[in-house]
Amino acid sequence: MAEEPDRLKREIETTRATLTHDVDRLAEKTSPRQVAKRRWTAVKEKVMGTTEHTRHTASELTDTAGEKAHAAADKVREAPQAVARQAQGNPLAAGIIAFGVGMLTASLMPVTDAERRAGQQLKEHGGDLTDKVKDVASDLKDDLGGTVRHAAGEVRETAEDAARTTAGTARSGAHDVRNTATS
C-alpha cells in the first residue's frame, strides 16, 4: 500500500512537468513578440526566398557575371581582327579607323610641357597671324566680288541676247505659219 501513494506522487509530478512544458510552449507560441518574429520570418522568406534559395541565386548570378565578363574580354581581344576584316580592301576605311584610334589615344594622354609651351606660343603669336589671314580674306573677297559682278553681267547679257533671239525666231515662225495658212 505504501507503493500506491508513491506511484501516484510520481504520476502527479510527471503530469505536472508535462503540463508545465505544454503551458510554456503555448505561452511562447502565443507571445506577441514570437508571433511578430514568426510573421516577419515568413514575410522575409516570401520576399527574399529561403537562405538556400538566396545562396543558389547568388551563385547563379556570379556564374552569369563571370561568363559575361569572359565574353566581353573575348570580344575586345577579337576587335582588332574584326576591324582588319572590315577594312580589308578599303584603304579609306582603314585610314579613318586609324585616325579615330589616334585621336582617342591622344585624348587619353596627358599634355606634355613641350605641347603646353607650343600652345602658349601659338596664343601669343596667333593674333598677328589672325590679322594677316583676315586681311588676305578681305582682299580676296574684294577681288572675287568684282569678278563675280563681271561674270553676272556677262551672263545677264547672254540671257538677254538669247531671249531676243528666241523672241525673233518665234515671231518669224509665227509669221511663216500665217503665210502658209493663208496660201
C-alpha atoms as a PDB file:
ATOM      1  CA  MET A   1       0.000   0.000   0.000  1.00  0.00           C
ATOM      2  CA  ALA A   2       2.806   2.324   0.601  1.00  0.00           C
ATOM      3  CA  GLU A   3       3.730   1.938  -3.003  1.00  0.00           C
ATOM      4  CA  GLU A   4       0.416   3.244  -4.203  1.00  0.00           C
ATOM      5  CA  PRO A   5       0.862   6.812  -2.828  1.00  0.00           C
ATOM      6  CA  ASP A   6       4.487   6.937  -4.158  1.00  0.00           C
ATOM      7  CA  ARG A   7       3.324   5.868  -7.566  1.00  0.00           C
ATOM      8  CA  LEU A   8       0.548   8.462  -7.509  1.00  0.00           C
ATOM      9  CA  LYS A   9       3.064  11.158  -6.487  1.00  0.00           C
ATOM     10  CA  ARG A  10       5.321  10.193  -9.425  1.00  0.00           C
ATOM     11  CA  GLU A  11       2.402  10.300 -11.855  1.00  0.00           C
ATOM     12  CA  ILE A  12       1.328  13.662 -10.476  1.00  0.00           C
ATOM     13  CA  GLU A  13       4.900  15.004 -10.850  1.00  0.00           C
ATOM     14  CA  THR A  14       5.123  13.646 -14.399  1.00  0.00           C
ATOM     15  CA  THR A  15       1.764  15.129 -15.307  1.00  0.00           C
ATOM     16  CA  ARG A  16       2.742  18.439 -13.662  1.00  0.00           C
ATOM     17  CA  ALA A  17       6.043  18.509 -15.672  1.00  0.00           C
ATOM     18  CA  THR A  18       4.226  17.700 -18.903  1.00  0.00           C
ATOM     19  CA  LEU A  19       1.602  20.342 -18.192  1.00  0.00           C
ATOM     20  CA  THR A  20       4.282  22.896 -17.326  1.00  0.00           C
ATOM     21  CA  HIS A  21       6.110  22.110 -20.558  1.00  0.00           C
ATOM     22  CA  ASP A  22       2.878  22.395 -22.615  1.00  0.00           C
ATOM     23  CA  VAL A  23       1.890  25.674 -20.922  1.00  0.00           C
ATOM     24  CA  ASP A  24       5.383  27.099 -21.612  1.00  0.00           C
ATOM     25  CA  ARG A  25       5.127  26.104 -25.280  1.00  0.00           C
ATOM     26  CA  LEU A  26       1.659  27.652 -25.543  1.00  0.00           C
ATOM     27  CA  ALA A  27       2.849  30.823 -23.844  1.00  0.00           C
ATOM     28  CA  GLU A  28       5.809  31.056 -26.219  1.00  0.00           C
ATOM     29  CA  LYS A  29       3.643  30.330 -29.240  1.00  0.00           C
ATOM     30  CA  THR A  30       1.080  32.995 -28.350  1.00  0.00           C
ATOM     31  CA  SER A  31       3.577  35.607 -27.172  1.00  0.00           C
ATOM     32  CA  PRO A  32       3.172  38.808 -29.270  1.00  0.00           C
ATOM     33  CA  ARG A  33       6.942  39.017 -29.737  1.00  0.00           C
ATOM     34  CA  GLN A  34       7.145  35.443 -31.016  1.00  0.00           C
ATOM     35  CA  VAL A  35       4.090  35.887 -33.269  1.00  0.00           C
ATOM     36  CA  ALA A  36       5.664  39.020 -34.788  1.00  0.00           C
ATOM     37  CA  LYS A  37       9.015  37.237 -35.215  1.00  0.00           C
ATOM     38  CA  ARG A  38       7.372  34.289 -36.996  1.00  0.00           C
ATOM     39  CA  ARG A  39       5.401  36.559 -39.295  1.00  0.00           C
ATOM     40  CA  TRP A  40       8.497  38.656 -40.069  1.00  0.00           C
ATOM     41  CA  THR A  41      10.437  35.496 -40.931  1.00  0.00           C
ATOM     42  CA  ALA A  42       7.588  34.279 -43.156  1.00  0.00           C
ATOM     43  CA  VAL A  43       7.410  37.613 -44.993  1.00  0.00           C
ATOM     44  CA  LYS A  44      11.177  37.743 -45.377  1.00  0.00           C
ATOM     45  CA  GLU A  45      11.237  34.244 -46.837  1.00  0.00           C
ATOM     46  CA  LYS A  46       8.443  35.085 -49.269  1.00  0.00           C
ATOM     47  CA  VAL A  47      10.189  38.248 -50.424  1.00  0.00           C
ATOM     48  CA  MET A  48      13.785  37.107 -50.436  1.00  0.00           C
ATOM     49  CA  GLY A  49      13.298  33.354 -50.523  1.00  0.00           C
ATOM     50  CA  THR A  50      14.922  30.996 -48.166  1.00  0.00           C
ATOM     51  CA  THR A  51      18.600  31.424 -47.455  1.00  0.00           C
ATOM     52  CA  GLU A  52      19.300  28.307 -49.506  1.00  0.00           C
ATOM     53  CA  HIS A  53      17.432  29.795 -52.473  1.00  0.00           C
ATOM     54  CA  THR A  54      19.220  33.113 -51.989  1.00  0.00           C
ATOM     55  CA  ARG A  55      22.623  31.423 -51.965  1.00  0.00           C
ATOM     56  CA  HIS A  56      21.710  29.455 -55.081  1.00  0.00           C
ATOM     57  CA  THR A  57      20.521  32.600 -56.880  1.00  0.00           C
ATOM     58  CA  ALA A  58      23.657  34.495 -55.851  1.00  0.00           C
ATOM     59  CA  SER A  59      25.799  31.663 -57.150  1.00  0.00           C
ATOM     60  CA  GLU A  60      23.958  31.672 -60.477  1.00  0.00           C
ATOM     61  CA  LEU A  61      24.346  35.437 -60.769  1.00  0.00           C
ATOM     62  CA  THR A  62      28.064  35.178 -60.045  1.00  0.00           C
ATOM     63  CA  ASP A  63      28.452  32.488 -62.695  1.00  0.00           C
ATOM     64  CA  THR A  64      26.484  34.539 -65.238  1.00  0.00           C
ATOM     65  CA  ALA A  65      28.508  37.665 -64.500  1.00  0.00           C
ATOM     66  CA  GLY A  66      31.726  35.704 -64.935  1.00  0.00           C
ATOM     67  CA  GLU A  67      30.533  34.322 -68.258  1.00  0.00           C
ATOM     68  CA  LYS A  68      29.552  37.803 -69.475  1.00  0.00           C
ATOM     69  CA  ALA A  69      32.926  39.207 -68.411  1.00  0.00           C
ATOM     70  CA  HIS A  70      34.748  36.450 -70.301  1.00  0.00           C
ATOM     71  CA  ALA A  71      32.580  37.029 -73.384  1.00  0.00           C
ATOM     72  CA  ALA A  72      33.295  40.774 -73.262  1.00  0.00           C
ATOM     73  CA  ALA A  73      37.025  40.139 -72.883  1.00  0.00           C
ATOM     74  CA  ASP A  74      36.902  37.793 -75.878  1.00  0.00           C
ATOM     75  CA  LYS A  75      35.136  40.447 -77.960  1.00  0.00           C
ATOM     76  CA  VAL A  76      37.772  43.026 -77.005  1.00  0.00           C
ATOM     77  CA  ARG A  77      40.531  40.582 -77.977  1.00  0.00           C
ATOM     78  CA  GLU A  78      38.793  39.883 -81.307  1.00  0.00           C
ATOM     79  CA  ALA A  79      38.164  43.577 -82.114  1.00  0.00           C
ATOM     80  CA  PRO A  80      41.447  44.217 -83.977  1.00  0.00           C
ATOM     81  CA  GLN A  81      40.869  41.207 -86.237  1.00  0.00           C
ATOM     82  CA  ALA A  82      37.270  42.265 -86.879  1.00  0.00           C
ATOM     83  CA  VAL A  83      38.384  45.792 -87.774  1.00  0.00           C
ATOM     84  CA  ALA A  84      41.070  44.393 -90.065  1.00  0.00           C
ATOM     85  CA  ARG A  85      38.498  42.151 -91.818  1.00  0.00           C
ATOM     86  CA  GLN A  86      36.110  45.056 -92.345  1.00  0.00           C
ATOM     87  CA  ALA A  87      38.813  47.428 -93.541  1.00  0.00           C
ATOM     88  CA  GLN A  88      40.412  44.867 -95.853  1.00  0.00           C
ATOM     89  CA  GLY A  89      40.220  46.119 -99.418  1.00  0.00           C
ATOM     90  CA  ASN A  90      39.048  49.548 -98.277  1.00  0.00           C
ATOM     91  CA  PRO A  91      42.043  51.777 -97.514  1.00  0.00           C
ATOM     92  CA  LEU A  92      39.847  54.793 -96.790  1.00  0.00           C
ATOM     93  CA  ALA A  93      38.041  52.911 -94.005  1.00  0.00           C
ATOM     94  CA  ALA A  94      41.376  51.735 -92.624  1.00  0.00           C
ATOM     95  CA  GLY A  95      42.676  55.306 -92.628  1.00  0.00           C
ATOM     96  CA  ILE A  96      39.574  56.636 -90.875  1.00  0.00           C
ATOM     97  CA  ILE A  97      39.778  53.903 -88.246  1.00  0.00           C
ATOM     98  CA  ALA A  98      43.478  54.598 -87.673  1.00  0.00           C
ATOM     99  CA  PHE A  99      42.763  58.312 -87.366  1.00  0.00           C
ATOM    100  CA  GLY A 100      39.988  57.634 -84.822  1.00  0.00           C
ATOM    101  CA  VAL A 101      42.233  55.368 -82.772  1.00  0.00           C
ATOM    102  CA  GLY A 102      44.953  58.022 -82.854  1.00  0.00           C
ATOM    103  CA  MET A 103      42.543  60.743 -81.718  1.00  0.00           C
ATOM    104  CA  LEU A 104      41.261  58.539 -78.915  1.00  0.00           C
ATOM    105  CA  THR A 105      44.781  57.746 -77.787  1.00  0.00           C
ATOM    106  CA  ALA A 106      45.792  61.402 -77.958  1.00  0.00           C
ATOM    107  CA  SER A 107      42.810  62.454 -75.872  1.00  0.00           C
ATOM    108  CA  LEU A 108      43.731  59.949 -73.168  1.00  0.00           C
ATOM    109  CA  MET A 109      47.352  61.037 -72.904  1.00  0.00           C
ATOM    110  CA  PRO A 110      48.229  63.990 -70.651  1.00  0.00           C
ATOM    111  CA  VAL A 111      49.564  67.213 -72.196  1.00  0.00           C
ATOM    112  CA  THR A 112      53.363  67.427 -72.142  1.00  0.00           C
ATOM    113  CA  ASP A 113      55.351  70.541 -71.233  1.00  0.00           C
ATOM    114  CA  ALA A 114      56.513  70.929 -74.844  1.00  0.00           C
ATOM    115  CA  GLU A 115      52.917  70.878 -76.080  1.00  0.00           C
ATOM    116  CA  ARG A 116      51.898  73.354 -73.416  1.00  0.00           C
ATOM    117  CA  ARG A 117      54.716  75.749 -74.442  1.00  0.00           C
ATOM    118  CA  ALA A 118      53.832  75.385 -78.144  1.00  0.00           C
ATOM    119  CA  GLY A 119      50.210  76.178 -77.378  1.00  0.00           C
ATOM    120  CA  GLN A 120      51.204  79.256 -75.403  1.00  0.00           C
ATOM    121  CA  GLN A 121      53.393  80.486 -78.264  1.00  0.00           C
ATOM    122  CA  LEU A 122      50.545  79.990 -80.717  1.00  0.00           C
ATOM    123  CA  LYS A 123      48.297  82.039 -78.467  1.00  0.00           C
ATOM    124  CA  GLU A 124      50.833  84.833 -78.209  1.00  0.00           C
ATOM    125  CA  HIS A 125      51.690  84.991 -81.913  1.00  0.00           C
ATOM    126  CA  GLY A 126      48.352  83.811 -83.229  1.00  0.00           C
ATOM    127  CA  GLY A 127      46.878  87.326 -83.102  1.00  0.00           C
ATOM    128  CA  ASP A 128      49.307  88.547 -85.788  1.00  0.00           C
ATOM    129  CA  LEU A 129      48.555  85.536 -87.948  1.00  0.00           C
ATOM    130  CA  THR A 130      44.812  86.026 -87.499  1.00  0.00           C
ATOM    131  CA  ASP A 131      45.066  89.644 -88.627  1.00  0.00           C
ATOM    132  CA  LYS A 132      47.051  88.626 -91.724  1.00  0.00           C
ATOM    133  CA  VAL A 133      44.507  85.951 -92.618  1.00  0.00           C
ATOM    134  CA  LYS A 134      41.657  88.457 -92.200  1.00  0.00           C
ATOM    135  CA  ASP A 135      43.429  90.961 -94.495  1.00  0.00           C
ATOM    136  CA  VAL A 136      44.022  88.319 -97.172  1.00  0.00           C
ATOM    137  CA  ALA A 137      40.428  87.145 -96.917  1.00  0.00           C
ATOM    138  CA  SER A 138      39.151  90.719 -97.270  1.00  0.00           C
ATOM    139  CA  ASP A 139      41.316  91.335-100.349  1.00  0.00           C
ATOM    140  CA  LEU A 140      40.193  88.059-101.847  1.00  0.00           C
ATOM    141  CA  LYS A 141      36.563  88.991-101.209  1.00  0.00           C
ATOM    142  CA  ASP A 142      37.012  92.320-102.956  1.00  0.00           C
ATOM    143  CA  ASP A 143      38.757  90.683-105.928  1.00  0.00           C
ATOM    144  CA  LEU A 144      36.162  87.944-106.182  1.00  0.00           C
ATOM    145  CA  GLY A 145      33.324  90.438-105.743  1.00  0.00           C
ATOM    146  CA  GLY A 146      34.423  92.328-108.856  1.00  0.00           C
ATOM    147  CA  THR A 147      34.945  89.114-110.814  1.00  0.00           C
ATOM    148  CA  VAL A 148      31.561  87.766-109.749  1.00  0.00           C
ATOM    149  CA  ARG A 149      29.835  91.036-110.703  1.00  0.00           C
ATOM    150  CA  HIS A 150      31.513  90.982-114.111  1.00  0.00           C
ATOM    151  CA  ALA A 151      30.560  87.323-114.683  1.00  0.00           C
ATOM    152  CA  ALA A 152      26.972  88.038-113.599  1.00  0.00           C
ATOM    153  CA  GLY A 153      26.810  90.934-116.072  1.00  0.00           C
ATOM    154  CA  GLU A 154      28.040  88.723-118.901  1.00  0.00           C
ATOM    155  CA  VAL A 155      25.501  86.040-118.013  1.00  0.00           C
ATOM    156  CA  ARG A 156      22.740  88.676-117.998  1.00  0.00           C
ATOM    157  CA  GLU A 157      23.793  89.988-121.392  1.00  0.00           C
ATOM    158  CA  THR A 158      23.928  86.481-122.833  1.00  0.00           C
ATOM    159  CA  ALA A 159      20.472  85.723-121.420  1.00  0.00           C
ATOM    160  CA  GLU A 160      19.048  88.937-122.896  1.00  0.00           C
ATOM    161  CA  ASP A 161      20.570  88.127-126.280  1.00  0.00           C
ATOM    162  CA  ALA A 162      19.151  84.610-126.127  1.00  0.00           C
ATOM    163  CA  ALA A 163      15.728  85.993-125.171  1.00  0.00           C
ATOM    164  CA  ARG A 164      15.793  88.466-128.084  1.00  0.00           C
ATOM    165  CA  THR A 165      16.891  85.760-130.495  1.00  0.00           C
ATOM    166  CA  THR A 166      14.216  83.368-129.236  1.00  0.00           C
ATOM    167  CA  ALA A 167      11.535  86.057-129.493  1.00  0.00           C
ATOM    168  CA  GLY A 168      12.643  86.940-133.023  1.00  0.00           C
ATOM    169  CA  THR A 169      12.666  83.300-134.054  1.00  0.00           C
ATOM    170  CA  ALA A 170       9.203  82.806-132.550  1.00  0.00           C
ATOM    171  CA  ARG A 171       7.826  85.852-134.427  1.00  0.00           C
ATOM    172  CA  SER A 172       9.397  84.676-137.639  1.00  0.00           C
ATOM    173  CA  GLY A 173       7.975  81.176-137.137  1.00  0.00           C
ATOM    174  CA  ALA A 174       4.520  82.576-136.395  1.00  0.00           C
ATOM    175  CA  HIS A 175       4.691  84.812-139.483  1.00  0.00           C
ATOM    176  CA  ASP A 176       5.700  81.809-141.626  1.00  0.00           C
ATOM    177  CA  VAL A 177       2.796  79.750-140.244  1.00  0.00           C
ATOM    178  CA  ARG A 178       0.334  82.562-141.053  1.00  0.00           C
ATOM    179  CA  ASN A 179       1.637  82.907-144.557  1.00  0.00           C
ATOM    180  CA  THR A 180       1.430  79.143-145.086  1.00  0.00           C
ATOM    181  CA  ALA A 181      -2.114  79.065-143.688  1.00  0.00           C
ATOM    182  CA  THR A 182      -3.340  81.893-145.917  1.00  0.00           C
ATOM    183  CA  SER A 183      -1.821  80.476-149.095  1.00  0.00           C
END
